[in-house]
Amino acid sequence: MRERAAAPPVLRQPFFYRFVRHPLYAGFFLAFWATPAMTAGHLLLAAGLSLYMLIAIRFEERDLIDVFGEAYVSYRRRVGMLVPRIGGGP
């Protein structure tokens, strides 16, 4: 049986990424750090979760570029990223 090559994926919902994903990330960061009185435990939790999310966002961006290629790179140029890449490049 011959296998057919799959059609390349298409970035169909840039609206989702701009108006759902980015504000969702921003909301989590705000929730981690917005407190009237920060204890050492809360500081450690906020710092750890923020670092975890920053690493996850970087991996997610890399995977989206791998899957969608130039379509996602073009999208990133049009839409501001929550965590901009320092040093340029895709």
PDB file of N, CA and C in Angstrom:
ATOM      1  N   MET A   1       0.838  -1.160   0.000  1.00  0.00           N
ATOM      2  CA  MET A   1       0.000   0.000   0.000  1.00  0.00           C
ATOM      3  C   MET A   1       0.897   1.243   0.000  1.00  0.00           C
ATOM      4  N   ARG A   2       0.613   2.172  -0.883  1.00  0.00           N
ATOM      5  CA  ARG A   2       1.398   3.409  -0.973  1.00  0.00           C
ATOM      6  C   ARG A   2       0.828   4.451  -0.027  1.00  0.00           C
ATOM      7  N   GLU A   3       1.725   5.138   0.620  1.00  0.00           N
ATOM      8  CA  GLU A   3       1.296   6.220   1.496  1.00  0.00           C
ATOM      9  C   GLU A   3       1.385   7.537   0.752  1.00  0.00           C
ATOM     10  N   ARG A   4       0.372   8.364   0.953  1.00  0.00           N
ATOM     11  CA  ARG A   4       0.378   9.687   0.339  1.00  0.00           C
ATOM     12  C   ARG A   4       0.970  10.693   1.311  1.00  0.00           C
ATOM     13  N   ALA A   5       1.657  11.669   0.755  1.00  0.00           N
ATOM     14  CA  ALA A   5       2.217  12.724   1.598  1.00  0.00           C
ATOM     15  C   ALA A   5       1.079  13.596   2.124  1.00  0.00           C
ATOM     16  N   ALA A   6       1.159  13.947   3.364  1.00  0.00           N
ATOM     17  CA  ALA A   6       0.133  14.799   3.971  1.00  0.00           C
ATOM     18  C   ALA A   6       0.301  16.232   3.480  1.00  0.00           C
ATOM     19  N   ALA A   7      -0.806  16.917   3.369  1.00  0.00           N
ATOM     20  CA  ALA A   7      -0.759  18.327   2.986  1.00  0.00           C
ATOM     21  C   ALA A   7      -0.106  19.125   4.105  1.00  0.00           C
ATOM     22  N   PRO A   8       0.668  20.149   3.765  1.00  0.00           N
ATOM     23  CA  PRO A   8       1.296  20.941   4.825  1.00  0.00           C
ATOM     24  C   PRO A   8       0.242  21.646   5.676  1.00  0.00           C
ATOM     25  N   PRO A   9       0.464  21.757   6.983  1.00  0.00           N
ATOM     26  CA  PRO A   9      -0.516  22.405   7.850  1.00  0.00           C
ATOM     27  C   PRO A   9      -0.625  23.895   7.538  1.00  0.00           C
ATOM     28  N   VAL A  10      -1.774  24.440   7.823  1.00  0.00           N
ATOM     29  CA  VAL A  10      -2.050  25.853   7.567  1.00  0.00           C
ATOM     30  C   VAL A  10      -2.387  26.525   8.894  1.00  0.00           C
ATOM     31  N   LEU A  11      -1.825  27.702   9.129  1.00  0.00           N
ATOM     32  CA  LEU A  11      -2.142  28.472  10.328  1.00  0.00           C
ATOM     33  C   LEU A  11      -3.506  29.109  10.101  1.00  0.00           C
ATOM     34  N   ARG A  12      -4.557  28.492  10.626  1.00  0.00           N
ATOM     35  CA  ARG A  12      -5.929  28.905  10.323  1.00  0.00           C
ATOM     36  C   ARG A  12      -6.511  29.905  11.302  1.00  0.00           C
ATOM     37  N   GLN A  13      -6.041  29.940  12.505  1.00  0.00           N
ATOM     38  CA  GLN A  13      -6.682  30.767  13.526  1.00  0.00           C
ATOM     39  C   GLN A  13      -5.724  31.768  14.168  1.00  0.00           C
ATOM     40  N   PRO A  14      -5.153  32.685  13.387  1.00  0.00           N
ATOM     41  CA  PRO A  14      -4.285  33.668  14.048  1.00  0.00           C
ATOM     42  C   PRO A  14      -5.052  34.510  15.064  1.00  0.00           C
ATOM     43  N   PHE A  15      -6.365  34.640  14.887  1.00  0.00           N
ATOM     44  CA  PHE A  15      -7.196  35.373  15.839  1.00  0.00           C
ATOM     45  C   PHE A  15      -7.048  34.769  17.236  1.00  0.00           C
ATOM     46  N   PHE A  16      -7.078  33.440  17.303  1.00  0.00           N
ATOM     47  CA  PHE A  16      -6.950  32.751  18.591  1.00  0.00           C
ATOM     48  C   PHE A  16      -5.651  33.126  19.282  1.00  0.00           C
ATOM     49  N   TYR A  17      -4.555  33.102  18.534  1.00  0.00           N
ATOM     50  CA  TYR A  17      -3.258  33.370  19.144  1.00  0.00           C
ATOM     51  C   TYR A  17      -3.164  34.807  19.641  1.00  0.00           C
ATOM     52  N   ARG A  18      -3.730  35.735  18.879  1.00  0.00           N
ATOM     53  CA  ARG A  18      -3.599  37.147  19.241  1.00  0.00           C
ATOM     54  C   ARG A  18      -4.533  37.553  20.377  1.00  0.00           C
ATOM     55  N   PHE A  19      -5.771  37.085  20.342  1.00  0.00           N
ATOM     56  CA  PHE A  19      -6.768  37.580  21.295  1.00  0.00           C
ATOM     57  C   PHE A  19      -7.126  36.598  22.403  1.00  0.00           C
ATOM     58  N   VAL A  20      -6.575  35.407  22.378  1.00  0.00           N
ATOM     59  CA  VAL A  20      -6.839  34.447  23.451  1.00  0.00           C
ATOM     60  C   VAL A  20      -5.533  34.022  24.115  1.00  0.00           C
ATOM     61  N   ARG A  21      -4.604  33.514  23.328  1.00  0.00           N
ATOM     62  CA  ARG A  21      -3.377  32.962  23.893  1.00  0.00           C
ATOM     63  C   ARG A  21      -2.540  34.033  24.598  1.00  0.00           C
ATOM     64  N   HIS A  22      -2.280  35.132  23.941  1.00  0.00           N
ATOM     65  CA  HIS A  22      -1.428  36.163  24.531  1.00  0.00           C
ATOM     66  C   HIS A  22      -2.055  36.773  25.791  1.00  0.00           C
ATOM     67  N   PRO A  23      -3.344  37.175  25.777  1.00  0.00           N
ATOM     68  CA  PRO A  23      -3.945  37.691  27.022  1.00  0.00           C
ATOM     69  C   PRO A  23      -4.012  36.639  28.131  1.00  0.00           C
ATOM     70  N   LEU A  24      -4.178  35.381  27.752  1.00  0.00           N
ATOM     71  CA  LEU A  24      -4.198  34.320  28.754  1.00  0.00           C
ATOM     72  C   LEU A  24      -2.849  34.239  29.464  1.00  0.00           C
ATOM     73  N   TYR A  25      -1.769  34.245  28.695  1.00  0.00           N
ATOM     74  CA  TYR A  25      -0.438  34.257  29.300  1.00  0.00           C
ATOM     75  C   TYR A  25      -0.252  35.491  30.183  1.00  0.00           C
ATOM     76  N   ALA A  26      -0.643  36.652  29.671  1.00  0.00           N
ATOM     77  CA  ALA A  26      -0.495  37.889  30.442  1.00  0.00           C
ATOM     78  C   ALA A  26      -1.291  37.806  31.748  1.00  0.00           C
ATOM     79  N   GLY A  27      -2.471  37.231  31.690  1.00  0.00           N
ATOM     80  CA  GLY A  27      -3.292  37.072  32.889  1.00  0.00           C
ATOM     81  C   GLY A  27      -2.630  36.185  33.924  1.00  0.00           C
ATOM     82  N   PHE A  28      -2.002  35.104  33.477  1.00  0.00           N
ATOM     83  CA  PHE A  28      -1.298  34.233  34.421  1.00  0.00           C
ATOM     84  C   PHE A  28      -0.142  34.970  35.088  1.00  0.00           C
ATOM     85  N   PHE A  29       0.647  35.690  34.288  1.00  0.00           N
ATOM     86  CA  PHE A  29       1.759  36.438  34.879  1.00  0.00           C
ATOM     87  C   PHE A  29       1.255  37.471  35.881  1.00  0.00           C
ATOM     88  N   LEU A  30       0.194  38.166  35.529  1.00  0.00           N
ATOM     89  CA  LEU A  30      -0.385  39.154  36.441  1.00  0.00           C
ATOM     90  C   LEU A  30      -0.870  38.481  37.729  1.00  0.00           C
ATOM     91  N   ALA A  31      -1.534  37.345  37.588  1.00  0.00           N
ATOM     92  CA  ALA A  31      -2.045  36.629  38.762  1.00  0.00           C
ATOM     93  C   ALA A  31      -0.905  36.142  39.660  1.00  0.00           C
ATOM     94  N   PHE A  32       0.212  35.743  39.069  1.00  0.00           N
ATOM     95  CA  PHE A  32       1.341  35.273  39.880  1.00  0.00           C
ATOM     96  C   PHE A  32       1.921  36.395  40.729  1.00  0.00           C
ATOM     97  N   TRP A  33       1.969  37.605  40.173  1.00  0.00           N
ATOM     98  CA  TRP A  33       2.694  38.693  40.822  1.00  0.00           C
ATOM     99  C   TRP A  33       1.815  39.719  41.521  1.00  0.00           C
ATOM    100  N   ALA A  34       0.528  39.764  41.237  1.00  0.00           N
ATOM    101  CA  ALA A  34      -0.356  40.779  41.834  1.00  0.00           C
ATOM    102  C   ALA A  34      -0.808  40.309  43.213  1.00  0.00           C
ATOM    103  N   THR A  35      -0.237  40.886  44.218  1.00  0.00           N
ATOM    104  CA  THR A  35      -0.608  40.549  45.583  1.00  0.00           C
ATOM    105  C   THR A  35      -0.329  41.753  46.474  1.00  0.00           C
ATOM    106  N   PRO A  36      -1.199  42.013  47.438  1.00  0.00           N
ATOM    107  CA  PRO A  36      -0.951  43.160  48.314  1.00  0.00           C
ATOM    108  C   PRO A  36       0.234  42.936  49.262  1.00  0.00           C
ATOM    109  N   ALA A  37       0.480  41.699  49.630  1.00  0.00           N
ATOM    110  CA  ALA A  37       1.604  41.391  50.519  1.00  0.00           C
ATOM    111  C   ALA A  37       2.233  40.089  50.066  1.00  0.00           C
ATOM    112  N   MET A  38       3.501  40.142  49.687  1.00  0.00           N
ATOM    113  CA  MET A  38       4.164  38.951  49.164  1.00  0.00           C
ATOM    114  C   MET A  38       5.005  38.297  50.252  1.00  0.00           C
ATOM    115  N   THR A  39       4.728  37.027  50.476  1.00  0.00           N
ATOM    116  CA  THR A  39       5.535  36.246  51.412  1.00  0.00           C
ATOM    117  C   THR A  39       6.673  35.596  50.631  1.00  0.00           C
ATOM    118  N   ALA A  40       7.616  35.038  51.351  1.00  0.00           N
ATOM    119  CA  ALA A  40       8.728  34.353  50.691  1.00  0.00           C
ATOM    120  C   ALA A  40       8.220  33.165  49.876  1.00  0.00           C
ATOM    121  N   GLY A  41       7.236  32.455  50.406  1.00  0.00           N
ATOM    122  CA  GLY A  41       6.666  31.319  49.672  1.00  0.00           C
ATOM    123  C   GLY A  41       5.972  31.755  48.390  1.00  0.00           C
ATOM    124  N   HIS A  42       5.229  32.868  48.483  1.00  0.00           N
ATOM    125  CA  HIS A  42       4.547  33.378  47.297  1.00  0.00           C
ATOM    126  C   HIS A  42       5.564  33.858  46.270  1.00  0.00           C
ATOM    127  N   LEU A  43       6.627  34.504  46.715  1.00  0.00           N
ATOM    128  CA  LEU A  43       7.680  34.961  45.813  1.00  0.00           C
ATOM    129  C   LEU A  43       8.322  33.779  45.087  1.00  0.00           C
ATOM    130  N   LEU A  44       8.615  32.734  45.822  1.00  0.00           N
ATOM    131  CA  LEU A  44       9.215  31.540  45.225  1.00  0.00           C
ATOM    132  C   LEU A  44       8.258  30.902  44.222  1.00  0.00           C
ATOM    133  N   LEU A  45       6.993  30.799  44.578  1.00  0.00           N
ATOM    134  CA  LEU A  45       5.997  30.237  43.665  1.00  0.00           C
ATOM    135  C   LEU A  45       5.860  31.093  42.409  1.00  0.00           C
ATOM    136  N   ALA A  46       5.736  32.402  42.563  1.00  0.00           N
ATOM    137  CA  ALA A  46       5.581  33.300  41.415  1.00  0.00           C
ATOM    138  C   ALA A  46       6.799  33.239  40.505  1.00  0.00           C
ATOM    139  N   ALA A  47       7.987  33.246  41.083  1.00  0.00           N
ATOM    140  CA  ALA A  47       9.211  33.187  40.283  1.00  0.00           C
ATOM    141  C   ALA A  47       9.321  31.846  39.552  1.00  0.00           C
ATOM    142  N   GLY A  48       9.038  30.761  40.252  1.00  0.00           N
ATOM    143  CA  GLY A  48       9.123  29.440  39.634  1.00  0.00           C
ATOM    144  C   GLY A  48       8.120  29.250  38.510  1.00  0.00           C
ATOM    145  N   LEU A  49       6.875  29.651  38.742  1.00  0.00           N
ATOM    146  CA  LEU A  49       5.852  29.505  37.704  1.00  0.00           C
ATOM    147  C   LEU A  49       6.113  30.433  36.523  1.00  0.00           C
ATOM    148  N   SER A  50       6.625  31.629  36.789  1.00  0.00           N
ATOM    149  CA  SER A  50       6.954  32.547  35.699  1.00  0.00           C
ATOM    150  C   SER A  50       8.085  31.979  34.841  1.00  0.00           C
ATOM    151  N   LEU A  51       9.113  31.465  35.479  1.00  0.00           N
ATOM    152  CA  LEU A  51      10.213  30.856  34.741  1.00  0.00           C
ATOM    153  C   LEU A  51       9.726  29.658  33.923  1.00  0.00           C
ATOM    154  N   TYR A  52       8.904  28.829  34.529  1.00  0.00           N
ATOM    155  CA  TYR A  52       8.335  27.679  33.828  1.00  0.00           C
ATOM    156  C   TYR A  52       7.549  28.121  32.592  1.00  0.00           C
ATOM    157  N   MET A  53       6.721  29.162  32.732  1.00  0.00           N
ATOM    158  CA  MET A  53       5.924  29.640  31.598  1.00  0.00           C
ATOM    159  C   MET A  53       6.808  30.250  30.519  1.00  0.00           C
ATOM    160  N   LEU A  54       7.836  30.986  30.878  1.00  0.00           N
ATOM    161  CA  LEU A  54       8.731  31.570  29.885  1.00  0.00           C
ATOM    162  C   LEU A  54       9.433  30.486  29.072  1.00  0.00           C
ATOM    163  N   ILE A  55       9.874  29.439  29.745  1.00  0.00           N
ATOM    164  CA  ILE A  55      10.511  28.319  29.041  1.00  0.00           C
ATOM    165  C   ILE A  55       9.496  27.629  28.137  1.00  0.00           C
ATOM    166  N   ALA A  56       8.287  27.403  28.644  1.00  0.00           N
ATOM    167  CA  ALA A  56       7.245  26.745  27.844  1.00  0.00           C
ATOM    168  C   ALA A  56       6.880  27.577  26.614  1.00  0.00           C
ATOM    169  N   ILE A  57       6.804  28.895  26.766  1.00  0.00           N
ATOM    170  CA  ILE A  57       6.484  29.765  25.629  1.00  0.00           C
ATOM    171  C   ILE A  57       7.566  29.657  24.570  1.00  0.00           C
ATOM    172  N   ARG A  58       8.826  29.626  24.971  1.00  0.00           N
ATOM    173  CA  ARG A  58       9.928  29.500  24.004  1.00  0.00           C
ATOM    174  C   ARG A  58       9.827  28.178  23.232  1.00  0.00           C
ATOM    175  N   PHE A  59       9.575  27.074  23.934  1.00  0.00           N
ATOM    176  CA  PHE A  59       9.441  25.787  23.260  1.00  0.00           C
ATOM    177  C   PHE A  59       8.226  25.774  22.332  1.00  0.00           C
ATOM    178  N   GLU A  60       7.132  26.371  22.789  1.00  0.00           N
ATOM    179  CA  GLU A  60       5.927  26.427  21.966  1.00  0.00           C
ATOM    180  C   GLU A  60       6.180  27.239  20.695  1.00  0.00           C
ATOM    181  N   GLU A  61       6.842  28.377  20.829  1.00  0.00           N
ATOM    182  CA  GLU A  61       7.159  29.200  19.659  1.00  0.00           C
ATOM    183  C   GLU A  61       8.037  28.420  18.683  1.00  0.00           C
ATOM    184  N   ARG A  62       9.029  27.718  19.192  1.00  0.00           N
ATOM    185  CA  ARG A  62       9.915  26.927  18.336  1.00  0.00           C
ATOM    186  C   ARG A  62       9.132  25.849  17.580  1.00  0.00           C
ATOM    187  N   ASP A  63       8.235  25.178  18.301  1.00  0.00           N
ATOM    188  CA  ASP A  63       7.447  24.136  17.659  1.00  0.00           C
ATOM    189  C   ASP A  63       6.488  24.706  16.614  1.00  0.00           C
ATOM    190  N   LEU A  64       5.889  25.853  16.897  1.00  0.00           N
ATOM    191  CA  LEU A  64       4.994  26.482  15.916  1.00  0.00           C
ATOM    192  C   LEU A  64       5.753  26.884  14.660  1.00  0.00           C
ATOM    193  N   ILE A  65       6.975  27.370  14.816  1.00  0.00           N
ATOM    194  CA  ILE A  65       7.787  27.700  13.645  1.00  0.00           C
ATOM    195  C   ILE A  65       8.134  26.442  12.867  1.00  0.00           C
ATOM    196  N   ASP A  66       8.470  25.352  13.569  1.00  0.00           N
ATOM    197  CA  ASP A  66       8.780  24.095  12.896  1.00  0.00           C
ATOM    198  C   ASP A  66       7.596  23.574  12.092  1.00  0.00           C
ATOM    199  N   VAL A  67       6.389  23.696  12.646  1.00  0.00           N
ATOM    200  CA  VAL A  67       5.198  23.152  11.987  1.00  0.00           C
ATOM    201  C   VAL A  67       4.698  24.060  10.866  1.00  0.00           C
ATOM    202  N   PHE A  68       4.578  25.363  11.158  1.00  0.00           N
ATOM    203  CA  PHE A  68       3.942  26.276  10.208  1.00  0.00           C
ATOM    204  C   PHE A  68       4.928  27.077   9.372  1.00  0.00           C
ATOM    205  N   GLY A  69       6.192  27.061   9.727  1.00  0.00           N
ATOM    206  CA  GLY A  69       7.226  27.707   8.929  1.00  0.00           C
ATOM    207  C   GLY A  69       7.018  29.197   8.756  1.00  0.00           C
ATOM    208  N   GLU A  70       7.161  29.639   7.517  1.00  0.00           N
ATOM    209  CA  GLU A  70       7.107  31.072   7.200  1.00  0.00           C
ATOM    210  C   GLU A  70       5.754  31.686   7.538  1.00  0.00           C
ATOM    211  N   ALA A  71       4.674  30.923   7.483  1.00  0.00           N
ATOM    212  CA  ALA A  71       3.361  31.466   7.823  1.00  0.00           C
ATOM    213  C   ALA A  71       3.346  31.946   9.270  1.00  0.00           C
ATOM    214  N   TYR A  72       3.948  31.193  10.175  1.00  0.00           N
ATOM    215  CA  TYR A  72       3.971  31.606  11.579  1.00  0.00           C
ATOM    216  C   TYR A  72       4.972  32.729  11.808  1.00  0.00           C
ATOM    217  N   VAL A  73       6.107  32.687  11.127  1.00  0.00           N
ATOM    218  CA  VAL A  73       7.092  33.762  11.256  1.00  0.00           C
ATOM    219  C   VAL A  73       6.474  35.079  10.794  1.00  0.00           C
ATOM    220  N   SER A  74       5.732  35.039   9.705  1.00  0.00           N
ATOM    221  CA  SER A  74       5.046  36.227   9.197  1.00  0.00           C
ATOM    222  C   SER A  74       4.008  36.714  10.209  1.00  0.00           C
ATOM    223  N   TYR A  75       3.279  35.798  10.793  1.00  0.00           N
ATOM    224  CA  TYR A  75       2.298  36.145  11.821  1.00  0.00           C
ATOM    225  C   TYR A  75       2.978  36.844  12.997  1.00  0.00           C
ATOM    226  N   ARG A  76       4.105  36.310  13.434  1.00  0.00           N
ATOM    227  CA  ARG A  76       4.823  36.901  14.561  1.00  0.00           C
ATOM    228  C   ARG A  76       5.285  38.315  14.260  1.00  0.00           C
ATOM    229  N   ARG A  77       5.609  38.581  13.005  1.00  0.00           N
ATOM    230  CA  ARG A  77       6.016  39.943  12.638  1.00  0.00           C
ATOM    231  C   ARG A  77       4.840  40.906  12.714  1.00  0.00           C
ATOM    232  N   ARG A  78       3.640  40.436  12.382  1.00  0.00           N
ATOM    233  CA  ARG A  78       2.448  41.295  12.385  1.00  0.00           C
ATOM    234  C   ARG A  78       1.872  41.505  13.777  1.00  0.00           C
ATOM    235  N   VAL A  79       1.985  40.509  14.626  1.00  0.00           N
ATOM    236  CA  VAL A  79       1.361  40.545  15.945  1.00  0.00           C
ATOM    237  C   VAL A  79       2.464  40.599  17.001  1.00  0.00           C
ATOM    238  N   GLY A  80       2.353  41.529  17.905  1.00  0.00           N
ATOM    239  CA  GLY A  80       3.350  41.620  18.968  1.00  0.00           C
ATOM    240  C   GLY A  80       3.312  40.391  19.863  1.00  0.00           C
ATOM    241  N   MET A  81       4.454  39.925  20.244  1.00  0.00           N
ATOM    242  CA  MET A  81       4.539  38.763  21.116  1.00  0.00           C
ATOM    243  C   MET A  81       4.508  39.204  22.576  1.00  0.00           C
ATOM    244  N   LEU A  82       3.938  38.392  23.411  1.00  0.00           N
ATOM    245  CA  LEU A  82       3.901  38.672  24.846  1.00  0.00           C
ATOM    246  C   LEU A  82       5.324  38.721  25.391  1.00  0.00           C
ATOM    247  N   VAL A  83       6.164  37.789  24.963  1.00  0.00           N
ATOM    248  CA  VAL A  83       7.556  37.735  25.384  1.00  0.00           C
ATOM    249  C   VAL A  83       8.400  37.854  24.129  1.00  0.00           C
ATOM    250  N   PRO A  84       8.801  39.076  23.769  1.00  0.00           N
ATOM    251  CA  PRO A  84       9.558  39.250  22.528  1.00  0.00           C
ATOM    252  C   PRO A  84      10.932  38.571  22.619  1.00  0.00           C
ATOM    253  N   ARG A  85      11.385  38.104  21.481  1.00  0.00           N
ATOM    254  CA  ARG A  85      12.688  37.453  21.420  1.00  0.00           C
ATOM    255  C   ARG A  85      13.771  38.515  21.467  1.00  0.00           C
ATOM    256  N   ILE A  86      14.686  38.379  22.378  1.00  0.00           N
ATOM    257  CA  ILE A  86      15.784  39.320  22.509  1.00  0.00           C
ATOM    258  C   ILE A  86      16.906  38.866  21.577  1.00  0.00           C
ATOM    259  N   GLY A  87      17.421  39.773  20.792  1.00  0.00           N
ATOM    260  CA  GLY A  87      18.511  39.432  19.876  1.00  0.00           C
ATOM    261  C   GLY A  87      18.035  39.208  18.463  1.00  0.00           C
ATOM    262  N   GLY A  88      16.750  39.400  18.176  1.00  0.00           N
ATOM    263  CA  GLY A  88      16.229  39.268  16.808  1.00  0.00           C
ATOM    264  C   GLY A  88      16.109  37.825  16.380  1.00  0.00           C
ATOM    265  N   GLY A  89      15.846  37.633  15.109  1.00  0.00           N
ATOM    266  CA  GLY A  89      15.671  36.291  14.563  1.00  0.00           C
ATOM    267  C   GLY A  89      14.278  35.775  14.791  1.00  0.00           C
ATOM    268  N   PRO A  90      13.910  34.667  14.131  1.00  0.00           N
ATOM    269  CA  PRO A  90      12.554  34.116  14.281  1.00  0.00           C
ATOM    270  C   PRO A  90      12.330  33.452  15.606  1.00  0.00           C
TER     271      PRO A  90
END
